Each structure stands twice: as C-alpha cells, then as structure tokens.
Amino acid sequence: MLARTAAFAALTLLAACASPQWRATGDLGVVVERADGKLMLVEHSHNTQLAEIDGLGDLSHASVVFSRDERFAFVFGRDGGLTKVDLLARRIAARVVQSGNSIGGAISTDGKLVAVANYTPGGVKVFDSETMELVAHIPAMGADGKLSKVVGLEDAPGNRFAFSLYDAGEIWLADLSNPRAPAIRKFTGIGRQPYDALVTEDGRYYIAGLFGEDGLAKLDLWNPDGGVTRVLDHYGKGEQALPVYKMPHLEGWAASGTEAFLPAIGRHEVLVADTTNWREIARIPVAGQPVFAMLQPGGRRLWVNFATPDNGKVQIIDVPSRKVIRTLEPGKAILHMEFTPRGERVWLSARDSDQVSVYDTETLERLAEMQVSKPSGIFFTARAHRLGL
C-alpha cells in the first residue's frame, strides 16, 4: 500500500513538473508598434511587457478586436492585412491580405465573424473568426454607382454590422444572421463625408460624424424604419472654420448619466449633448483640437488628447463641473489612451518619445514607464466584452 502511494505521488510530481506555465488572459493587451509592423504583448496587473510579435505588415493606422475568450487578437492593418494573433502562444496564428487598403474592423456579437472595412476597393469583407475563411463580400456601391471607402464599421446586437460610405454619404446596416447571404439596409442622404462612427454602449444608436458639414448622423438600431436623423446640427455655424490637423475618433466617445461628450472637428472644444434628445447643452474649452475624448470607468473624469501642435498634452475634465482640472505632458505625440477595466489606471502612448506611460487615475501620478518603439494604439482584452469596440 505504501509503495503504491509513493509511486502515485511520484507520478503526480512528474506530471506537475511537465505541465506548461498557465496564465489567464483577462489582464493582457497589445501595444501597436506602428513603424515596425509589430505588437508588444503586455499585461496591466503589473505594468509589464511580455513579448514582441513581428510580421504584421503596415500598422500605420491599425486597430484591434479580440475573440470572446480573449485568447486571440484580430489586427486590422493599413495594407489590407487581417492578422490573427495568439496571445498565449505569442505568435501569429493566421494572416490574410484581403484588400489594398483597410481602415479597421469589428467582431460579431457571437464572436464567430470578423468584418473588415476597406478603402481599396471600397467594401466590407467578412471572415470566419476560427478558420479565417472568407464568408461574405459586400461591395460598397453607393447610390451614385461608384465604389466608396468604408469607414466607421461597428458591431451591433444581433450579429449585425453598421458602417458608413465616406464618398457616397450613406449608412448601411448588414444583418449577418446568415453569413452567406447578408441582408443589407441602406440609408442615403445622411450628410457629406461620414468619417468615423460609434455604437452607444447600450447598443441602441449608431452615430456617424460628418467631416463635410457640422453635425452627426444618428440611426436608431432598435427602430431602423425611422431612418437616419441629424443631431448636433450646425454646431460651428457662423464661426471661422479651423484647419483640421487630425480627424477625431468617435470610438473614444464617452457618456456619463444622460450626458455625452464628443470631440468637435477642427475646434478647441468638447461638445456636451443630452442623450435623451441628442441636443447640445454645453461646450468645454480645451487646449487644442481633441482626437479622443474618453471617460474613465466610473464616469467622473473625462480624458482628452489632441492633434498637432498640441499632441504632447492630455487634459482631464471633471464631469460634474465640466472644468479642466489638470493638464499632463506625458511625452511627445500622445496617440492613444486605454483604461484598465475598472479604471484605476490609464495607459498613454507617446509615439515620438518611444514610450508608454501608466498613470493612476485618482492621484494623476505616473506609476510606470516602458520603452516601446513608435507606439500608437493600446488595446486590452476587456474590449472583447463590450459593444462597439
């Protein structure tokens, strides 16, 4: 009996020694190294760099979504590359160059489909997230009979994708319940040059910003029969337009209670709208032209970064008072901000300083710095469980 027990213990010990080093995925993320076609794999529990993953092509305007189990990152490159990265194995799992020029993408509600927005040729391609097989191709042929660049591609509830046609001035809603036969609804005449879009956190509204005119176009996803309506119309009417140095990103939008905060195009302001009727209620003066206006989890503070020449600054706004309470200068060319899931820290990428900084969102003290080559987008796996990201 003792001999059998000793033998069993020895086998158990050998099995334990042979087991791989397991880790969870909940605190993982990636930082895009835009100049080198690489991802830096990081974890935010201890603010550490884990590995560098090479071979992702042109990442000069890259975005990332995650599989629902948080293991895989799907990277959308400017060269039309769609790359599936295994975060646990720390390597590329699959890669396909699916167009000449792409601008981002989204993953479906059930996690089975990855859709890519393409500039060249204009349209959307949809892939099986497991096999990377092409399952649908949606050419973006506008009412004018011409292919259009696709922007603002967002996931919507019910395995739908909403996107905008930049050249045609349209919003399309694609139902991929049957991926081999997408059902498309087209909304024309929404305004000139939609450039980016968001889906509200409750999944109800798709809102596209307009570059060709002041205002935004809103589609109620609960009631698409109501068509597209305009909100924040003519917010710059009668005022001298400023040169636009960098287009703001609406995916960084923020809502706290019944107030939404949106970057104004070409203006040194953040717009505040009442989300019960989508009317403007205030404007907050800021240091430059805002690019991202992002609310930290908890809703008390809004973080704003800027286009050149003010892109070395980040301003923090107190939501109740709508006042700027601090201006930080973390480095040169702050391109992106990402909060940890519960908002106790924020990561900031400084492209021209080759640096990522981590700040405590309560004390506003810098907690850590790490050297990363030309960092831009920062994406944490918690995004896998949120709509519109």
Protein backbone atom coordinates (compact mmCIF):
# COMPACT_ATOMS: atom_id res chain seq x y z
CA MET A 1 0.00 0.00 0.00
CA LEU A 2 2.77 2.44 0.98
CA ALA A 3 4.69 1.51 -2.17
CA ARG A 4 1.64 2.25 -4.37
CA THR A 5 1.06 5.59 -2.57
CA ALA A 6 4.71 6.59 -3.05
CA ALA A 7 4.57 5.64 -6.72
CA PHE A 8 1.38 7.66 -7.24
CA ALA A 9 2.93 10.69 -5.52
CA ALA A 10 6.00 10.42 -7.74
CA LEU A 11 3.89 10.27 -10.90
CA THR A 12 1.85 13.29 -9.75
CA LEU A 13 5.04 15.27 -9.14
CA LEU A 14 6.41 14.34 -12.56
CA ALA A 15 3.14 15.38 -14.22
CA ALA A 16 3.20 18.71 -12.39
CA CYS A 17 6.78 19.36 -13.48
CA ALA A 18 5.86 18.57 -17.08
CA SER A 19 2.82 20.91 -17.12
CA PRO A 20 3.11 24.17 -19.06
CA GLN A 21 3.07 27.57 -17.37
CA TRP A 22 -0.60 28.52 -17.46
CA ARG A 23 -1.84 32.08 -17.35
CA ALA A 24 -5.22 33.78 -17.75
CA THR A 25 -5.98 36.33 -20.47
CA GLY A 26 -8.00 38.92 -18.53
CA ASP A 27 -5.14 41.34 -17.92
CA LEU A 28 -3.46 41.02 -21.31
CA GLY A 29 -3.26 43.63 -24.02
CA VAL A 30 -1.25 44.77 -27.01
CA VAL A 31 0.51 47.98 -27.96
CA VAL A 32 0.89 48.66 -31.68
CA GLU A 33 4.45 49.46 -32.77
CA ARG A 34 3.37 51.31 -35.88
CA ALA A 35 6.74 51.83 -37.59
CA ASP A 36 7.93 48.22 -37.32
CA GLY A 37 4.84 46.10 -38.03
CA LYS A 38 4.98 44.64 -34.52
CA LEU A 39 2.81 44.17 -31.45
CA MET A 40 4.10 44.47 -27.90
CA LEU A 41 2.25 42.00 -25.69
CA VAL A 42 1.69 43.50 -22.22
CA GLU A 43 -0.17 42.78 -19.00
CA HIS A 44 -1.66 45.53 -16.85
CA SER A 45 -1.72 43.86 -13.42
CA HIS A 46 1.97 44.65 -13.00
CA ASN A 47 2.52 47.05 -15.94
CA THR A 48 4.94 44.73 -17.70
CA GLN A 49 5.99 43.84 -21.23
CA LEU A 50 5.79 40.14 -22.03
CA ALA A 51 6.78 39.62 -25.67
CA GLU A 52 7.14 41.22 -29.08
CA ILE A 53 5.29 39.74 -32.07
CA ASP A 54 6.60 40.57 -35.56
CA GLY A 55 5.35 40.26 -39.14
CA LEU A 56 2.07 42.19 -39.10
CA GLY A 57 2.70 44.43 -42.10
CA ASP A 58 1.75 48.12 -42.28
CA LEU A 59 0.42 49.19 -38.88
CA SER A 60 0.44 52.93 -39.54
CA HIS A 61 -3.31 53.02 -38.86
CA ALA A 62 -4.03 49.78 -37.05
CA SER A 63 -6.87 48.70 -34.79
CA VAL A 64 -7.53 45.51 -32.84
CA VAL A 65 -10.50 43.44 -31.63
CA PHE A 66 -10.45 40.28 -29.51
CA SER A 67 -12.08 36.86 -29.57
CA ARG A 68 -14.69 36.33 -26.89
CA ASP A 69 -12.35 34.03 -24.92
CA GLU A 70 -9.69 36.81 -25.05
CA ARG A 71 -7.07 34.47 -26.46
CA PHE A 72 -6.85 35.87 -30.00
CA ALA A 73 -6.32 39.42 -31.24
CA PHE A 74 -7.50 40.31 -34.74
CA VAL A 75 -5.35 43.11 -36.12
CA PHE A 76 -6.51 45.31 -39.00
CA GLY A 77 -3.55 46.80 -40.90
CA ARG A 78 -3.46 49.70 -43.33
CA ASP A 79 -2.06 47.40 -46.04
CA GLY A 80 -5.28 45.36 -46.08
CA GLY A 81 -3.81 42.70 -43.81
CA LEU A 82 -6.03 40.89 -41.32
CA THR A 83 -3.83 39.09 -38.81
CA LYS A 84 -4.97 36.66 -36.12
CA VAL A 85 -2.53 36.66 -33.19
CA ASP A 86 -2.46 34.00 -30.47
CA LEU A 87 -1.74 35.94 -27.26
CA LEU A 88 -0.92 32.83 -25.23
CA ALA A 89 1.38 31.21 -27.79
CA ARG A 90 2.75 34.70 -28.58
CA ARG A 91 2.74 34.21 -32.33
CA ILE A 92 0.74 34.84 -35.49
CA ALA A 93 -1.91 32.15 -35.92
CA ALA A 94 -3.08 33.23 -39.39
CA ARG A 95 -2.77 36.16 -41.76
CA VAL A 96 -4.53 37.20 -44.96
CA VAL A 97 -4.04 40.30 -47.09
CA GLN A 98 -7.66 40.80 -48.08
CA SER A 99 -7.61 44.23 -49.78
CA GLY A 100 -5.34 47.03 -50.92
CA ASN A 101 -6.12 49.44 -48.09
CA SER A 102 -8.23 48.88 -44.98
CA ILE A 103 -9.19 51.13 -42.09
CA GLY A 104 -10.40 48.88 -39.26
CA GLY A 105 -12.99 46.30 -38.42
CA ALA A 106 -15.23 44.64 -35.86
CA ILE A 107 -16.16 41.25 -34.44
CA SER A 108 -19.74 39.96 -34.33
CA THR A 109 -21.89 39.61 -31.23
CA ASP A 110 -21.37 35.83 -31.11
CA GLY A 111 -17.65 36.15 -31.87
CA LYS A 112 -17.86 33.95 -34.97
CA LEU A 113 -17.36 36.63 -37.62
CA VAL A 114 -14.71 39.28 -38.19
CA ALA A 115 -15.59 42.10 -40.59
CA VAL A 116 -13.05 44.43 -42.25
CA ALA A 117 -13.72 47.93 -43.60
CA ASN A 118 -11.89 48.59 -46.86
CA TYR A 119 -10.87 51.75 -48.67
CA THR A 120 -9.48 49.93 -51.72
CA PRO A 121 -11.59 48.52 -53.17
CA GLY A 122 -14.47 50.02 -51.21
CA GLY A 123 -16.49 47.48 -49.27
CA VAL A 124 -16.63 45.07 -46.36
CA LYS A 125 -15.24 41.55 -46.21
CA VAL A 126 -16.37 39.13 -43.52
CA PHE A 127 -14.30 36.18 -42.28
CA ASP A 128 -14.90 33.14 -40.10
CA SER A 129 -13.01 34.02 -36.90
CA GLU A 130 -11.88 30.42 -36.35
CA THR A 131 -10.79 29.35 -39.83
CA MET A 132 -10.20 32.83 -41.37
CA GLU A 133 -12.24 31.69 -44.38
CA LEU A 134 -13.93 34.47 -46.36
CA VAL A 135 -17.69 34.05 -45.88
CA ALA A 136 -19.11 37.32 -47.30
CA HIS A 137 -18.08 40.20 -49.53
CA ILE A 138 -20.16 43.39 -49.51
CA PRO A 139 -19.07 45.88 -52.20
CA ALA A 140 -19.86 49.44 -51.08
CA MET A 141 -21.53 50.62 -54.27
CA GLY A 142 -23.25 53.90 -53.46
CA ALA A 143 -26.40 55.30 -54.99
CA ASP A 144 -24.13 57.22 -57.37
CA GLY A 145 -22.98 53.92 -58.90
CA LYS A 146 -19.41 54.24 -57.59
CA LEU A 147 -17.47 52.22 -55.04
CA SER A 148 -16.97 54.14 -51.81
CA LYS A 149 -14.44 53.99 -48.99
CA VAL A 150 -15.95 52.29 -45.93
CA VAL A 151 -15.46 53.89 -42.51
CA GLY A 152 -16.99 53.59 -39.06
CA LEU A 153 -17.54 49.81 -39.15
CA GLU A 154 -19.10 48.80 -35.82
CA ASP A 155 -20.64 45.66 -34.36
CA ALA A 156 -24.29 45.90 -33.38
CA PRO A 157 -26.53 43.49 -31.42
CA GLY A 158 -27.96 40.54 -33.32
CA ASN A 159 -24.86 39.74 -35.41
CA ARG A 160 -25.26 42.97 -37.34
CA PHE A 161 -22.62 45.39 -38.56
CA ALA A 162 -23.21 49.08 -39.24
CA PHE A 163 -20.87 51.13 -41.41
CA SER A 164 -20.68 54.34 -43.40
CA LEU A 165 -19.77 55.10 -47.00
CA TYR A 166 -17.43 58.08 -46.95
CA ASP A 167 -17.73 59.07 -50.62
CA ALA A 168 -21.44 58.30 -51.06
CA GLY A 169 -22.73 59.79 -47.79
CA GLU A 170 -24.65 56.68 -46.74
CA ILE A 171 -25.06 54.37 -43.73
CA TRP A 172 -25.56 50.63 -44.29
CA LEU A 173 -26.81 48.08 -41.76
CA ALA A 174 -25.81 44.49 -42.57
CA ASP A 175 -27.54 41.56 -40.86
CA LEU A 176 -25.16 38.57 -40.86
CA SER A 177 -27.52 36.10 -39.17
CA ASN A 178 -26.95 34.10 -42.35
CA PRO A 179 -23.33 34.98 -43.16
CA ARG A 180 -23.53 33.54 -46.67
CA ALA A 181 -26.45 35.83 -47.55
CA PRO A 182 -26.13 39.19 -45.74
CA ALA A 183 -29.30 41.28 -45.56
CA ILE A 184 -28.42 44.92 -46.24
CA ARG A 185 -30.43 48.05 -45.42
CA LYS A 186 -29.18 51.29 -46.97
CA PHE A 187 -29.77 54.81 -45.70
CA THR A 188 -28.87 57.53 -48.18
CA GLY A 189 -28.52 61.28 -47.92
CA ILE A 190 -27.17 61.23 -44.36
CA GLY A 191 -24.75 64.14 -44.92
CA ARG A 192 -21.40 64.71 -46.55
CA GLN A 193 -18.31 62.62 -45.83
CA PRO A 194 -19.03 60.49 -42.76
CA TYR A 195 -15.56 59.83 -41.35
CA ASP A 196 -15.99 57.69 -38.22
CA ALA A 197 -18.76 56.31 -36.06
CA LEU A 198 -19.72 54.75 -32.75
CA VAL A 199 -22.34 52.43 -31.31
CA THR A 200 -23.60 53.53 -27.91
CA GLU A 201 -22.79 51.22 -25.03
CA ASP A 202 -26.40 50.05 -24.74
CA GLY A 203 -26.31 49.01 -28.41
CA ARG A 204 -29.16 51.29 -29.40
CA TYR A 205 -27.69 54.04 -31.58
CA TYR A 206 -25.19 54.14 -34.42
CA ILE A 207 -23.82 57.68 -34.76
CA ALA A 208 -21.59 58.81 -37.63
CA GLY A 209 -19.55 62.00 -37.53
CA LEU A 210 -19.62 64.17 -40.66
CA PHE A 211 -16.49 65.81 -42.00
CA GLY A 212 -18.19 67.63 -44.88
CA GLU A 213 -20.58 69.55 -42.63
CA ASP A 214 -21.18 70.34 -38.96
CA GLY A 215 -23.25 67.67 -37.27
CA LEU A 216 -23.68 63.94 -36.81
CA ALA A 217 -26.00 61.32 -38.34
CA LYS A 218 -27.90 59.03 -35.94
CA LEU A 219 -29.53 55.67 -36.69
CA ASP A 220 -31.76 54.07 -34.05
CA LEU A 221 -30.84 50.37 -34.22
CA TRP A 222 -33.98 49.48 -32.29
CA ASN A 223 -36.10 51.18 -34.92
CA PRO A 224 -34.21 51.40 -38.22
CA ASP A 225 -37.52 52.04 -40.00
CA GLY A 226 -37.31 55.55 -38.51
CA GLY A 227 -34.32 56.24 -40.75
CA VAL A 228 -31.35 58.49 -40.07
CA THR A 229 -31.76 61.78 -38.21
CA ARG A 230 -29.32 64.64 -37.70
CA VAL A 231 -28.03 65.61 -34.25
CA LEU A 232 -25.79 68.48 -33.08
CA ASP A 233 -26.57 70.08 -36.41
CA HIS A 234 -24.54 73.18 -37.37
CA TYR A 235 -22.58 73.31 -34.11
CA GLY A 236 -19.98 75.52 -35.80
CA LYS A 237 -22.42 77.66 -37.78
CA GLY A 238 -21.34 81.24 -38.34
CA GLU A 239 -17.82 80.71 -36.97
CA GLN A 240 -14.49 80.63 -38.77
CA ALA A 241 -13.51 77.03 -39.53
CA LEU A 242 -10.03 75.97 -38.41
CA PRO A 243 -7.69 73.70 -40.39
CA VAL A 244 -8.18 70.08 -39.30
CA TYR A 245 -4.82 68.54 -38.37
CA LYS A 246 -6.13 65.11 -37.38
CA MET A 247 -9.60 63.63 -37.56
CA PRO A 248 -11.15 62.90 -34.16
CA HIS A 249 -12.04 59.31 -33.30
CA LEU A 250 -15.62 58.78 -32.23
CA GLU A 251 -14.94 55.29 -30.82
CA GLY A 252 -13.40 57.09 -27.86
CA TRP A 253 -16.71 58.78 -27.12
CA ALA A 254 -17.99 58.98 -23.58
CA ALA A 255 -21.35 59.02 -21.84
CA SER A 256 -21.93 59.74 -18.16
CA GLY A 257 -25.51 59.65 -16.94
CA THR A 258 -27.54 61.47 -19.60
CA GLU A 259 -24.60 63.46 -20.97
CA ALA A 260 -22.40 62.52 -23.93
CA PHE A 261 -19.01 64.10 -24.65
CA LEU A 262 -17.79 64.32 -28.23
CA PRO A 263 -14.72 65.90 -29.85
CA ALA A 264 -15.59 68.83 -32.12
CA ILE A 265 -13.99 68.71 -35.59
CA GLY A 266 -11.39 71.43 -36.06
CA ARG A 267 -12.36 73.21 -32.85
CA HIS A 268 -10.72 73.55 -29.43
CA GLU A 269 -13.82 72.20 -27.75
CA VAL A 270 -15.53 69.11 -26.41
CA LEU A 271 -19.25 69.10 -27.16
CA VAL A 272 -21.71 68.02 -24.48
CA ALA A 273 -25.04 66.55 -25.60
CA ASP A 274 -28.15 65.43 -23.72
CA THR A 275 -28.59 61.77 -24.68
CA THR A 276 -32.34 61.89 -24.07
CA ASN A 277 -32.79 64.14 -27.12
CA TRP A 278 -29.25 64.47 -28.55
CA ARG A 279 -29.23 68.25 -28.32
CA GLU A 280 -26.17 70.29 -27.46
CA ILE A 281 -26.19 71.55 -23.87
CA ALA A 282 -22.64 72.81 -23.37
CA ARG A 283 -19.13 73.17 -24.77
CA ILE A 284 -15.93 72.70 -22.82
CA PRO A 285 -12.89 74.72 -23.97
CA VAL A 286 -9.75 72.58 -24.20
CA ALA A 287 -6.09 73.04 -25.15
CA GLY A 288 -6.33 72.04 -28.81
CA GLN A 289 -8.29 70.03 -31.37
CA PRO A 290 -9.44 66.89 -29.50
CA VAL A 291 -8.83 63.47 -31.04
CA PHE A 292 -10.10 61.14 -28.30
CA ALA A 293 -12.48 62.18 -25.52
CA MET A 294 -12.66 59.15 -23.25
CA LEU A 295 -14.48 58.68 -19.98
CA GLN A 296 -12.68 56.64 -17.37
CA PRO A 297 -14.76 53.81 -15.88
CA GLY A 298 -16.85 55.27 -13.07
CA GLY A 299 -17.80 58.30 -15.12
CA ARG A 300 -16.30 61.08 -13.00
CA ARG A 301 -13.43 62.18 -15.25
CA LEU A 302 -13.01 62.69 -18.98
CA TRP A 303 -9.56 62.36 -20.60
CA VAL A 304 -8.79 64.22 -23.81
CA ASN A 305 -5.79 64.09 -26.17
CA PHE A 306 -5.11 66.37 -29.11
CA ALA A 307 -3.97 66.81 -32.69
CA THR A 308 -0.72 68.56 -33.53
CA PRO A 309 0.62 71.05 -32.43
CA ASP A 310 -0.87 70.25 -29.01
CA ASN A 311 -0.41 66.48 -29.16
CA GLY A 312 2.02 66.39 -26.26
CA LYS A 313 -0.77 67.22 -23.85
CA VAL A 314 -3.55 65.31 -22.14
CA GLN A 315 -6.28 67.16 -20.26
CA ILE A 316 -8.50 65.74 -17.54
CA ILE A 317 -12.02 67.18 -17.19
CA ASP A 318 -14.16 66.91 -14.07
CA VAL A 319 -17.56 65.82 -15.39
CA PRO A 320 -19.87 67.46 -12.78
CA SER A 321 -18.24 70.89 -13.13
CA ARG A 322 -17.21 70.48 -16.81
CA LYS A 323 -13.87 72.06 -15.93
CA VAL A 324 -10.33 71.07 -16.88
CA ILE A 325 -8.66 70.08 -13.61
CA ARG A 326 -5.21 69.04 -14.85
CA THR A 327 -3.03 69.19 -17.94
CA LEU A 328 -0.43 66.42 -18.26
CA GLU A 329 2.50 66.30 -20.65
CA PRO A 330 3.45 62.59 -20.67
CA GLY A 331 5.57 62.68 -23.84
CA LYS A 332 5.69 63.68 -27.49
CA ALA A 333 2.71 62.83 -29.73
CA ILE A 334 0.19 61.16 -27.43
CA LEU A 335 -1.76 58.97 -29.87
CA HIS A 336 -3.91 56.74 -27.71
CA MET A 337 -5.28 56.13 -24.22
CA GLU A 338 -6.55 52.88 -22.72
CA PHE A 339 -8.05 52.38 -19.26
CA THR A 340 -7.71 49.24 -17.22
CA PRO A 341 -11.14 47.52 -16.99
CA ARG A 342 -12.15 49.16 -13.70
CA GLY A 343 -10.43 52.44 -14.46
CA GLU A 344 -7.85 52.68 -11.69
CA ARG A 345 -5.09 53.24 -14.26
CA VAL A 346 -4.69 54.62 -17.76
CA TRP A 347 -2.00 53.78 -20.32
CA LEU A 348 -0.82 56.52 -22.70
CA SER A 349 1.26 56.01 -25.86
CA ALA A 350 3.80 58.70 -26.82
CA ARG A 351 4.88 57.88 -30.38
CA ASP A 352 7.71 60.39 -30.72
CA SER A 353 9.12 59.58 -27.29
CA ASP A 354 9.07 55.80 -27.95
CA GLN A 355 7.34 55.45 -24.62
CA VAL A 356 4.21 54.17 -22.91
CA SER A 357 3.29 55.72 -19.56
CA VAL A 358 0.91 54.42 -16.90
CA TYR A 359 -0.94 56.87 -14.65
CA ASP A 360 -3.02 56.48 -11.51
CA THR A 361 -6.40 57.98 -12.49
CA GLU A 362 -7.14 59.13 -8.93
CA THR A 363 -3.88 60.82 -7.96
CA LEU A 364 -2.81 61.57 -11.57
CA GLU A 365 0.70 60.39 -10.70
CA ARG A 366 2.84 58.49 -13.19
CA LEU A 367 3.27 54.91 -11.96
CA ALA A 368 5.37 53.34 -14.70
CA GLU A 369 7.16 53.95 -17.99
CA MET A 370 8.17 51.44 -20.63
CA GLN A 371 10.15 51.78 -23.83
CA VAL A 372 8.16 50.81 -26.92
CA SER A 373 9.15 51.61 -30.50
CA LYS A 374 6.80 54.23 -32.01
CA PRO A 375 3.71 53.14 -30.01
CA SER A 376 0.23 54.08 -31.18
CA GLY A 377 -2.91 52.07 -30.34
CA ILE A 378 -3.22 50.33 -26.96
CA PHE A 379 -5.88 47.60 -26.69
CA PHE A 380 -6.75 45.49 -23.62
CA THR A 381 -8.64 42.19 -23.84
CA ALA A 382 -11.52 43.55 -21.74
CA ARG A 383 -12.72 45.06 -25.03
CA ALA A 384 -13.88 41.56 -26.00
CA HIS A 385 -16.94 42.01 -23.80
CA ARG A 386 -18.08 45.48 -24.89
CA LEU A 387 -20.15 46.59 -27.85
CA GLY A 388 -18.73 48.93 -30.46
CA LEU A 389 -15.04 48.41 -29.68
